[in-house]
Amino acid sequence: MTQFVFALVTTLGTQTISTEYFSGLDACFYYQRRLNTQHIYHHPKEQHLHAQCRPTRVDPTRVEIFDR
């Protein structure tokens, strides 16, 4: 059985470096904003860290889903 969650996908340049799953959109947006604003002025564009929340379905027995 799958569960609807929000995936916080973090990329560095064009490479995906992390995917975390949140049960609520507010928590996902909180971490997205924090990640997107902390590196904006310190790295060249090809090394820019970018985070995005994406709705998705996952199997809760295979991934960890965060509440906050």
PDB file of N, CA and C in Angstrom:
ATOM      1  N   MET A   1       0.842  -1.181   0.000  1.00  0.00           N
ATOM      2  CA  MET A   1       0.000   0.000   0.000  1.00  0.00           C
ATOM      3  C   MET A   1       0.887   1.244   0.000  1.00  0.00           C
ATOM      4  N   THR A   2       0.537   2.235  -0.779  1.00  0.00           N
ATOM      5  CA  THR A   2       1.335   3.453  -0.848  1.00  0.00           C
ATOM      6  C   THR A   2       0.666   4.576  -0.075  1.00  0.00           C
ATOM      7  N   GLN A   3       1.485   5.573   0.256  1.00  0.00           N
ATOM      8  CA  GLN A   3       1.008   6.726   1.011  1.00  0.00           C
ATOM      9  C   GLN A   3       1.390   7.987   0.247  1.00  0.00           C
ATOM     10  N   PHE A   4       0.469   8.955   0.206  1.00  0.00           N
ATOM     11  CA  PHE A   4       0.731  10.236  -0.440  1.00  0.00           C
ATOM     12  C   PHE A   4       1.592  11.091   0.490  1.00  0.00           C
ATOM     13  N   VAL A   5       2.751  11.563  -0.007  1.00  0.00           N
ATOM     14  CA  VAL A   5       3.676  12.378   0.775  1.00  0.00           C
ATOM     15  C   VAL A   5       4.262  13.465  -0.123  1.00  0.00           C
ATOM     16  N   PHE A   6       5.101  14.293   0.479  1.00  0.00           N
ATOM     17  CA  PHE A   6       5.818  15.317  -0.260  1.00  0.00           C
ATOM     18  C   PHE A   6       7.303  15.000  -0.196  1.00  0.00           C
ATOM     19  N   ALA A   7       7.924  14.891  -1.357  1.00  0.00           N
ATOM     20  CA  ALA A   7       9.344  14.566  -1.440  1.00  0.00           C
ATOM     21  C   ALA A   7      10.142  15.854  -1.552  1.00  0.00           C
ATOM     22  N   LEU A   8      11.089  16.053  -0.646  1.00  0.00           N
ATOM     23  CA  LEU A   8      12.005  17.178  -0.717  1.00  0.00           C
ATOM     24  C   LEU A   8      13.228  16.686  -1.483  1.00  0.00           C
ATOM     25  N   VAL A   9      13.313  17.081  -2.750  1.00  0.00           N
ATOM     26  CA  VAL A   9      14.391  16.647  -3.625  1.00  0.00           C
ATOM     27  C   VAL A   9      15.439  17.746  -3.662  1.00  0.00           C
ATOM     28  N   THR A  10      16.661  17.415  -3.258  1.00  0.00           N
ATOM     29  CA  THR A  10      17.757  18.380  -3.208  1.00  0.00           C
ATOM     30  C   THR A  10      18.759  18.027  -4.294  1.00  0.00           C
ATOM     31  N   THR A  11      19.101  19.026  -5.113  1.00  0.00           N
ATOM     32  CA  THR A  11      20.066  18.821  -6.185  1.00  0.00           C
ATOM     33  C   THR A  11      21.246  19.768  -6.015  1.00  0.00           C
ATOM     34  N   LEU A  12      22.382  19.323  -6.488  1.00  0.00           N
ATOM     35  CA  LEU A  12      23.593  20.147  -6.540  1.00  0.00           C
ATOM     36  C   LEU A  12      24.001  20.176  -7.996  1.00  0.00           C
ATOM     37  N   GLY A  13      23.784  21.327  -8.632  1.00  0.00           N
ATOM     38  CA  GLY A  13      23.958  21.395 -10.078  1.00  0.00           C
ATOM     39  C   GLY A  13      22.860  20.578 -10.732  1.00  0.00           C
ATOM     40  N   THR A  14      23.243  19.521 -11.454  1.00  0.00           N
ATOM     41  CA  THR A  14      22.259  18.668 -12.117  1.00  0.00           C
ATOM     42  C   THR A  14      22.102  17.312 -11.432  1.00  0.00           C
ATOM     43  N   GLN A  15      22.845  17.074 -10.361  1.00  0.00           N
ATOM     44  CA  GLN A  15      22.824  15.778  -9.686  1.00  0.00           C
ATOM     45  C   GLN A  15      21.939  15.816  -8.439  1.00  0.00           C
ATOM     46  N   THR A  16      21.027  14.849  -8.311  1.00  0.00           N
ATOM     47  CA  THR A  16      20.202  14.719  -7.110  1.00  0.00           C
ATOM     48  C   THR A  16      21.061  14.138  -5.993  1.00  0.00           C
ATOM     49  N   ILE A  17      21.140  14.869  -4.880  1.00  0.00           N
ATOM     50  CA  ILE A  17      21.988  14.418  -3.776  1.00  0.00           C
ATOM     51  C   ILE A  17      21.184  13.913  -2.586  1.00  0.00           C
ATOM     52  N   SER A  18      19.881  14.228  -2.535  1.00  0.00           N
ATOM     53  CA  SER A  18      19.091  13.796  -1.391  1.00  0.00           C
ATOM     54  C   SER A  18      17.608  13.832  -1.737  1.00  0.00           C
ATOM     55  N   THR A  19      16.868  12.883  -1.181  1.00  0.00           N
ATOM     56  CA  THR A  19      15.404  12.887  -1.243  1.00  0.00           C
ATOM     57  C   THR A  19      14.882  12.484   0.125  1.00  0.00           C
ATOM     58  N   GLU A  20      14.159  13.397   0.748  1.00  0.00           N
ATOM     59  CA  GLU A  20      13.545  13.157   2.062  1.00  0.00           C
ATOM     60  C   GLU A  20      12.040  13.253   1.885  1.00  0.00           C
ATOM     61  N   TYR A  21      11.294  12.481   2.658  1.00  0.00           N
ATOM     62  CA  TYR A  21       9.842  12.432   2.513  1.00  0.00           C
ATOM     63  C   TYR A  21       9.164  12.997   3.761  1.00  0.00           C
ATOM     64  N   PHE A  22       8.163  13.862   3.536  1.00  0.00           N
ATOM     65  CA  PHE A  22       7.422  14.509   4.616  1.00  0.00           C
ATOM     66  C   PHE A  22       5.937  14.237   4.450  1.00  0.00           C
ATOM     67  N   SER A  23       5.251  14.031   5.577  1.00  0.00           N
ATOM     68  CA  SER A  23       3.812  13.788   5.517  1.00  0.00           C
ATOM     69  C   SER A  23       3.025  15.070   5.275  1.00  0.00           C
ATOM     70  N   GLY A  24       3.599  16.224   5.651  1.00  0.00           N
ATOM     71  CA  GLY A  24       2.904  17.496   5.487  1.00  0.00           C
ATOM     72  C   GLY A  24       3.644  18.462   4.584  1.00  0.00           C
ATOM     73  N   LEU A  25       2.885  19.255   3.865  1.00  0.00           N
ATOM     74  CA  LEU A  25       3.461  20.231   2.948  1.00  0.00           C
ATOM     75  C   LEU A  25       4.188  21.356   3.676  1.00  0.00           C
ATOM     76  N   ASP A  26       3.671  21.787   4.830  1.00  0.00           N
ATOM     77  CA  ASP A  26       4.301  22.889   5.568  1.00  0.00           C
ATOM     78  C   ASP A  26       5.730  22.552   5.968  1.00  0.00           C
ATOM     79  N   ALA A  27       5.960  21.360   6.463  1.00  0.00           N
ATOM     80  CA  ALA A  27       7.310  20.955   6.861  1.00  0.00           C
ATOM     81  C   ALA A  27       8.226  20.879   5.645  1.00  0.00           C
ATOM     82  N   CYS A  28       7.726  20.352   4.552  1.00  0.00           N
ATOM     83  CA  CYS A  28       8.528  20.269   3.338  1.00  0.00           C
ATOM     84  C   CYS A  28       8.915  21.664   2.848  1.00  0.00           C
ATOM     85  N   PHE A  29       7.954  22.583   2.811  1.00  0.00           N
ATOM     86  CA  PHE A  29       8.238  23.961   2.391  1.00  0.00           C
ATOM     87  C   PHE A  29       9.224  24.653   3.329  1.00  0.00           C
ATOM     88  N   TYR A  30       9.124  24.382   4.622  1.00  0.00           N
ATOM     89  CA  TYR A  30      10.048  24.987   5.593  1.00  0.00           C
ATOM     90  C   TYR A  30      11.493  24.622   5.245  1.00  0.00           C
ATOM     91  N   TYR A  31      11.751  23.331   5.069  1.00  0.00           N
ATOM     92  CA  TYR A  31      13.115  22.895   4.761  1.00  0.00           C
ATOM     93  C   TYR A  31      13.541  23.315   3.360  1.00  0.00           C
ATOM     94  N   GLN A  32      12.605  23.373   2.434  1.00  0.00           N
ATOM     95  CA  GLN A  32      12.919  23.850   1.088  1.00  0.00           C
ATOM     96  C   GLN A  32      13.420  25.289   1.132  1.00  0.00           C
ATOM     97  N   ARG A  33      12.702  26.148   1.834  1.00  0.00           N
ATOM     98  CA  ARG A  33      13.112  27.557   1.950  1.00  0.00           C
ATOM     99  C   ARG A  33      14.466  27.696   2.633  1.00  0.00           C
ATOM    100  N   ARG A  34      14.682  26.935   3.698  1.00  0.00           N
ATOM    101  CA  ARG A  34      15.954  27.002   4.424  1.00  0.00           C
ATOM    102  C   ARG A  34      17.119  26.602   3.523  1.00  0.00           C
ATOM    103  N   LEU A  35      16.956  25.531   2.779  1.00  0.00           N
ATOM    104  CA  LEU A  35      18.031  25.070   1.904  1.00  0.00           C
ATOM    105  C   LEU A  35      18.265  26.024   0.737  1.00  0.00           C
ATOM    106  N   ASN A  36      17.209  26.540   0.158  1.00  0.00           N
ATOM    107  CA  ASN A  36      17.353  27.403  -1.012  1.00  0.00           C
ATOM    108  C   ASN A  36      17.943  28.765  -0.677  1.00  0.00           C
ATOM    109  N   THR A  37      17.799  29.244   0.545  1.00  0.00           N
ATOM    110  CA  THR A  37      18.320  30.572   0.878  1.00  0.00           C
ATOM    111  C   THR A  37      19.714  30.542   1.495  1.00  0.00           C
ATOM    112  N   GLN A  38      20.180  29.418   1.981  1.00  0.00           N
ATOM    113  CA  GLN A  38      21.474  29.426   2.656  1.00  0.00           C
ATOM    114  C   GLN A  38      22.667  29.387   1.712  1.00  0.00           C
ATOM    115  N   HIS A  39      22.505  28.945   0.476  1.00  0.00           N
ATOM    116  CA  HIS A  39      23.641  28.809  -0.428  1.00  0.00           C
ATOM    117  C   HIS A  39      23.583  29.719  -1.645  1.00  0.00           C
ATOM    118  N   ILE A  40      22.647  30.604  -1.704  1.00  0.00           N
ATOM    119  CA  ILE A  40      22.396  31.342  -2.938  1.00  0.00           C
ATOM    120  C   ILE A  40      23.563  32.245  -3.365  1.00  0.00           C
ATOM    121  N   TYR A  41      24.311  32.799  -2.429  1.00  0.00           N
ATOM    122  CA  TYR A  41      25.358  33.749  -2.786  1.00  0.00           C
ATOM    123  C   TYR A  41      26.766  33.182  -2.668  1.00  0.00           C
ATOM    124  N   HIS A  42      26.903  31.954  -2.222  1.00  0.00           N
ATOM    125  CA  HIS A  42      28.227  31.442  -1.891  1.00  0.00           C
ATOM    126  C   HIS A  42      28.837  30.498  -2.920  1.00  0.00           C
ATOM    127  N   HIS A  43      28.073  30.069  -3.922  1.00  0.00           N
ATOM    128  CA  HIS A  43      28.580  29.076  -4.855  1.00  0.00           C
ATOM    129  C   HIS A  43      28.293  29.485  -6.293  1.00  0.00           C
ATOM    130  N   PRO A  44      29.168  29.075  -7.223  1.00  0.00           N
ATOM    131  CA  PRO A  44      28.858  29.317  -8.637  1.00  0.00           C
ATOM    132  C   PRO A  44      27.618  28.544  -9.068  1.00  0.00           C
ATOM    133  N   LYS A  45      27.010  28.961 -10.174  1.00  0.00           N
ATOM    134  CA  LYS A  45      25.734  28.378 -10.611  1.00  0.00           C
ATOM    135  C   LYS A  45      25.801  26.861 -10.805  1.00  0.00           C
ATOM    136  N   GLU A  46      26.899  26.324 -11.327  1.00  0.00           N
ATOM    137  CA  GLU A  46      26.993  24.882 -11.569  1.00  0.00           C
ATOM    138  C   GLU A  46      27.090  24.085 -10.267  1.00  0.00           C
ATOM    139  N   GLN A  47      27.382  24.747  -9.140  1.00  0.00           N
ATOM    140  CA  GLN A  47      27.426  24.089  -7.846  1.00  0.00           C
ATOM    141  C   GLN A  47      26.302  24.576  -6.935  1.00  0.00           C
ATOM    142  N   HIS A  48      25.282  25.158  -7.533  1.00  0.00           N
ATOM    143  CA  HIS A  48      24.175  25.725  -6.759  1.00  0.00           C
ATOM    144  C   HIS A  48      23.299  24.622  -6.178  1.00  0.00           C
ATOM    145  N   LEU A  49      23.020  24.726  -4.912  1.00  0.00           N
ATOM    146  CA  LEU A  49      22.129  23.804  -4.214  1.00  0.00           C
ATOM    147  C   LEU A  49      20.688  24.270  -4.424  1.00  0.00           C
ATOM    148  N   HIS A  50      19.824  23.352  -4.819  1.00  0.00           N
ATOM    149  CA  HIS A  50      18.423  23.696  -5.061  1.00  0.00           C
ATOM    150  C   HIS A  50      17.544  22.607  -4.461  1.00  0.00           C
ATOM    151  N   ALA A  51      16.513  23.010  -3.722  1.00  0.00           N
ATOM    152  CA  ALA A  51      15.564  22.064  -3.117  1.00  0.00           C
ATOM    153  C   ALA A  51      14.168  22.343  -3.647  1.00  0.00           C
ATOM    154  N   GLN A  52      13.397  21.272  -3.839  1.00  0.00           N
ATOM    155  CA  GLN A  52      12.051  21.402  -4.374  1.00  0.00           C
ATOM    156  C   GLN A  52      11.154  20.339  -3.747  1.00  0.00           C
ATOM    157  N   CYS A  53       9.936  20.739  -3.371  1.00  0.00           N
ATOM    158  CA  CYS A  53       8.951  19.795  -2.838  1.00  0.00           C
ATOM    159  C   CYS A  53       8.098  19.268  -3.989  1.00  0.00           C
ATOM    160  N   ARG A  54       7.984  17.942  -4.041  1.00  0.00           N
ATOM    161  CA  ARG A  54       7.194  17.307  -5.093  1.00  0.00           C
ATOM    162  C   ARG A  54       6.212  16.315  -4.472  1.00  0.00           C
ATOM    163  N   PRO A  55       4.946  16.381  -4.854  1.00  0.00           N
ATOM    164  CA  PRO A  55       3.994  15.381  -4.357  1.00  0.00           C
ATOM    165  C   PRO A  55       4.301  14.028  -4.997  1.00  0.00           C
ATOM    166  N   THR A  56       4.213  12.984  -4.205  1.00  0.00           N
ATOM    167  CA  THR A  56       4.495  11.641  -4.711  1.00  0.00           C
ATOM    168  C   THR A  56       3.847  10.591  -3.823  1.00  0.00           C
ATOM    169  N   ARG A  57       3.892   9.372  -4.252  1.00  0.00           N
ATOM    170  CA  ARG A  57       3.413   8.239  -3.459  1.00  0.00           C
ATOM    171  C   ARG A  57       4.593   7.313  -3.196  1.00  0.00           C
ATOM    172  N   VAL A  58       4.705   6.848  -1.941  1.00  0.00           N
ATOM    173  CA  VAL A  58       5.786   5.942  -1.559  1.00  0.00           C
ATOM    174  C   VAL A  58       5.235   4.819  -0.695  1.00  0.00           C
ATOM    175  N   ASP A  59       5.996   3.763  -0.593  1.00  0.00           N
ATOM    176  CA  ASP A  59       5.673   2.648   0.290  1.00  0.00           C
ATOM    177  C   ASP A  59       6.286   2.967   1.654  1.00  0.00           C
ATOM    178  N   PRO A  60       5.477   3.201   2.695  1.00  0.00           N
ATOM    179  CA  PRO A  60       6.009   3.597   4.001  1.00  0.00           C
ATOM    180  C   PRO A  60       6.868   2.518   4.670  1.00  0.00           C
ATOM    181  N   THR A  61       6.825   1.300   4.177  1.00  0.00           N
ATOM    182  CA  THR A  61       7.679   0.250   4.746  1.00  0.00           C
ATOM    183  C   THR A  61       9.083   0.289   4.142  1.00  0.00           C
ATOM    184  N   ARG A  62       9.277   1.057   3.067  1.00  0.00           N
ATOM    185  CA  ARG A  62      10.574   1.120   2.394  1.00  0.00           C
ATOM    186  C   ARG A  62      11.327   2.430   2.605  1.00  0.00           C
ATOM    187  N   VAL A  63      10.630   3.497   2.977  1.00  0.00           N
ATOM    188  CA  VAL A  63      11.272   4.793   3.191  1.00  0.00           C
ATOM    189  C   VAL A  63      10.827   5.372   4.530  1.00  0.00           C
ATOM    190  N   GLU A  64      11.642   6.277   5.061  1.00  0.00           N
ATOM    191  CA  GLU A  64      11.279   6.976   6.305  1.00  0.00           C
ATOM    192  C   GLU A  64      10.503   8.237   5.936  1.00  0.00           C
ATOM    193  N   ILE A  65       9.357   8.440   6.595  1.00  0.00           N
ATOM    194  CA  ILE A  65       8.529   9.613   6.361  1.00  0.00           C
ATOM    195  C   ILE A  65       8.561  10.472   7.614  1.00  0.00           C
ATOM    196  N   PHE A  66       8.993  11.719   7.451  1.00  0.00           N
ATOM    197  CA  PHE A  66       9.121  12.642   8.572  1.00  0.00           C
ATOM    198  C   PHE A  66       7.824  13.412   8.774  1.00  0.00           C
ATOM    199  N   ASP A  67       7.488  13.672  10.039  1.00  0.00           N
ATOM    200  CA  ASP A  67       6.301  14.473  10.360  1.00  0.00           C
ATOM    201  C   ASP A  67       6.635  15.950  10.417  1.00  0.00           C
ATOM    202  N   ARG A  68       7.880  16.294  10.744  1.00  0.00           N
ATOM    203  CA  ARG A  68       8.317  17.692  10.821  1.00  0.00           C
ATOM    204  C   ARG A  68       9.643  17.841  10.149  1.00  0.00           C
TER     205      ARG A  68
END
